[in-house]
Amino acid sequence: MEARAFDSRQPQGFRRMCRDRDAAQAGPVWSLHLVNRETGDVLRLNGMPLVIYTRDATEGLASLLEDRDPRLWRAEVSRVAEPLARI
């Protein structure tokens, strides 16, 4: 059996996500998705709609629209309802 190297490094940006998570807990959660301007259909990957959840809608939109033709795609944003408080 051949030995294989295991890469235990964390993904790029992982530490920043963990550090920023605590500071952003108070903000709302946003749902982002892309819509084809010609058909009105949501972008799907393997039949499932691509939905991004984020606490920073501006940064999420910039990332989602990066390298995409704005004549073909538009982004839609909606606020995710907060869960009810537990009693």
C-alpha atoms as a PDB file:
ATOM      1  CA  MET A   1       0.000   0.000   0.000  1.00  0.00           C
ATOM      2  CA  GLU A   2       1.342   3.423  -0.919  1.00  0.00           C
ATOM      3  CA  ALA A   3       1.622   6.146   1.712  1.00  0.00           C
ATOM      4  CA  ARG A   4      -0.026   9.440   0.822  1.00  0.00           C
ATOM      5  CA  ALA A   5       0.598  12.875   2.215  1.00  0.00           C
ATOM      6  CA  PHE A   6      -2.256  14.493   4.106  1.00  0.00           C
ATOM      7  CA  ASP A   7      -2.646  18.253   3.808  1.00  0.00           C
ATOM      8  CA  SER A   8      -3.944  19.526   7.143  1.00  0.00           C
ATOM      9  CA  ARG A   9      -3.765  23.222   6.270  1.00  0.00           C
ATOM     10  CA  GLN A  10      -6.929  25.246   6.721  1.00  0.00           C
ATOM     11  CA  PRO A  11      -8.609  26.712   3.621  1.00  0.00           C
ATOM     12  CA  GLN A  12      -7.578  30.217   2.623  1.00  0.00           C
ATOM     13  CA  GLY A  13      -9.611  32.789   4.550  1.00  0.00           C
ATOM     14  CA  PHE A  14     -10.672  30.275   7.219  1.00  0.00           C
ATOM     15  CA  ARG A  15      -9.044  32.144  10.104  1.00  0.00           C
ATOM     16  CA  ARG A  16     -10.562  35.443   8.954  1.00  0.00           C
ATOM     17  CA  MET A  17     -14.014  33.822   8.799  1.00  0.00           C
ATOM     18  CA  CYS A  18     -13.676  32.500  12.357  1.00  0.00           C
ATOM     19  CA  ARG A  19     -12.334  35.794  13.691  1.00  0.00           C
ATOM     20  CA  ASP A  20     -15.083  37.846  12.026  1.00  0.00           C
ATOM     21  CA  ARG A  21     -17.843  35.421  12.975  1.00  0.00           C
ATOM     22  CA  ASP A  22     -18.110  36.589  16.583  1.00  0.00           C
ATOM     23  CA  ALA A  23     -18.174  40.270  15.617  1.00  0.00           C
ATOM     24  CA  ALA A  24     -20.863  39.701  12.994  1.00  0.00           C
ATOM     25  CA  GLN A  25     -23.247  37.588  15.089  1.00  0.00           C
ATOM     26  CA  ALA A  26     -25.524  40.552  15.749  1.00  0.00           C
ATOM     27  CA  GLY A  27     -26.089  41.338  12.048  1.00  0.00           C
ATOM     28  CA  PRO A  28     -28.865  39.949   9.847  1.00  0.00           C
ATOM     29  CA  VAL A  29     -28.402  36.969   7.527  1.00  0.00           C
ATOM     30  CA  TRP A  30     -28.896  37.537   3.791  1.00  0.00           C
ATOM     31  CA  SER A  31     -29.737  35.035   1.055  1.00  0.00           C
ATOM     32  CA  LEU A  32     -28.173  35.714  -2.368  1.00  0.00           C
ATOM     33  CA  HIS A  33     -28.761  34.014  -5.697  1.00  0.00           C
ATOM     34  CA  LEU A  34     -28.175  34.661  -9.387  1.00  0.00           C
ATOM     35  CA  VAL A  35     -30.980  34.996 -11.928  1.00  0.00           C
ATOM     36  CA  ASN A  36     -30.561  34.661 -15.681  1.00  0.00           C
ATOM     37  CA  ARG A  37     -31.846  37.894 -17.249  1.00  0.00           C
ATOM     38  CA  GLU A  38     -33.048  36.145 -20.429  1.00  0.00           C
ATOM     39  CA  THR A  39     -35.011  33.293 -18.867  1.00  0.00           C
ATOM     40  CA  GLY A  40     -35.687  34.499 -15.332  1.00  0.00           C
ATOM     41  CA  ASP A  41     -34.384  31.165 -13.981  1.00  0.00           C
ATOM     42  CA  VAL A  42     -32.190  30.885 -10.896  1.00  0.00           C
ATOM     43  CA  LEU A  43     -28.676  29.512 -11.512  1.00  0.00           C
ATOM     44  CA  ARG A  44     -28.624  25.795 -10.686  1.00  0.00           C
ATOM     45  CA  LEU A  45     -25.719  23.447 -10.046  1.00  0.00           C
ATOM     46  CA  ASN A  46     -26.521  19.751 -10.450  1.00  0.00           C
ATOM     47  CA  GLY A  47     -30.212  20.658 -10.400  1.00  0.00           C
ATOM     48  CA  MET A  48     -30.033  22.522  -7.085  1.00  0.00           C
ATOM     49  CA  PRO A  49     -30.387  26.323  -6.942  1.00  0.00           C
ATOM     50  CA  LEU A  50     -27.184  28.110  -5.953  1.00  0.00           C
ATOM     51  CA  VAL A  51     -27.920  30.082  -2.779  1.00  0.00           C
ATOM     52  CA  ILE A  52     -25.295  31.916  -0.748  1.00  0.00           C
ATOM     53  CA  TYR A  53     -25.965  32.855   2.874  1.00  0.00           C
ATOM     54  CA  THR A  54     -23.956  35.732   4.317  1.00  0.00           C
ATOM     55  CA  ARG A  55     -23.989  38.417   6.989  1.00  0.00           C
ATOM     56  CA  ASP A  56     -22.273  40.916   4.652  1.00  0.00           C
ATOM     57  CA  ALA A  57     -24.525  41.324   1.613  1.00  0.00           C
ATOM     58  CA  THR A  58     -22.228  43.802  -0.143  1.00  0.00           C
ATOM     59  CA  GLU A  59     -19.195  41.511   0.010  1.00  0.00           C
ATOM     60  CA  GLY A  60     -21.310  38.492  -0.922  1.00  0.00           C
ATOM     61  CA  LEU A  61     -22.773  40.210  -3.973  1.00  0.00           C
ATOM     62  CA  ALA A  62     -19.353  41.323  -5.165  1.00  0.00           C
ATOM     63  CA  SER A  63     -18.064  37.768  -4.827  1.00  0.00           C
ATOM     64  CA  LEU A  64     -21.109  36.236  -6.506  1.00  0.00           C
ATOM     65  CA  LEU A  65     -20.979  38.599  -9.508  1.00  0.00           C
ATOM     66  CA  GLU A  66     -17.207  38.441  -9.921  1.00  0.00           C
ATOM     67  CA  ASP A  67     -16.216  37.366 -13.468  1.00  0.00           C
ATOM     68  CA  ARG A  68     -19.875  37.196 -14.581  1.00  0.00           C
ATOM     69  CA  ASP A  69     -21.398  39.163 -17.441  1.00  0.00           C
ATOM     70  CA  PRO A  70     -23.878  41.668 -15.923  1.00  0.00           C
ATOM     71  CA  ARG A  71     -25.854  41.591 -19.186  1.00  0.00           C
ATOM     72  CA  LEU A  72     -26.640  37.910 -18.532  1.00  0.00           C
ATOM     73  CA  TRP A  73     -26.961  37.760 -14.738  1.00  0.00           C
ATOM     74  CA  ARG A  74     -28.557  39.757 -11.977  1.00  0.00           C
ATOM     75  CA  ALA A  75     -28.250  39.087  -8.273  1.00  0.00           C
ATOM     76  CA  GLU A  76     -31.212  38.988  -5.917  1.00  0.00           C
ATOM     77  CA  VAL A  77     -30.927  39.543  -2.187  1.00  0.00           C
ATOM     78  CA  SER A  78     -33.429  38.741   0.533  1.00  0.00           C
ATOM     79  CA  ARG A  79     -33.203  38.860   4.289  1.00  0.00           C
ATOM     80  CA  VAL A  80     -33.482  35.513   6.042  1.00  0.00           C
ATOM     81  CA  ALA A  81     -36.081  35.512   8.811  1.00  0.00           C
ATOM     82  CA  GLU A  82     -34.615  35.269  12.287  1.00  0.00           C
ATOM     83  CA  PRO A  83     -35.669  32.189  14.272  1.00  0.00           C
ATOM     84  CA  LEU A  84     -38.143  32.658  17.089  1.00  0.00           C
ATOM     85  CA  ALA A  85     -36.661  32.993  20.550  1.00  0.00           C
ATOM     86  CA  ARG A  86     -36.702  29.834  22.637  1.00  0.00           C
ATOM     87  CA  ILE A  87     -38.751  29.911  25.785  1.00  0.00           C
END
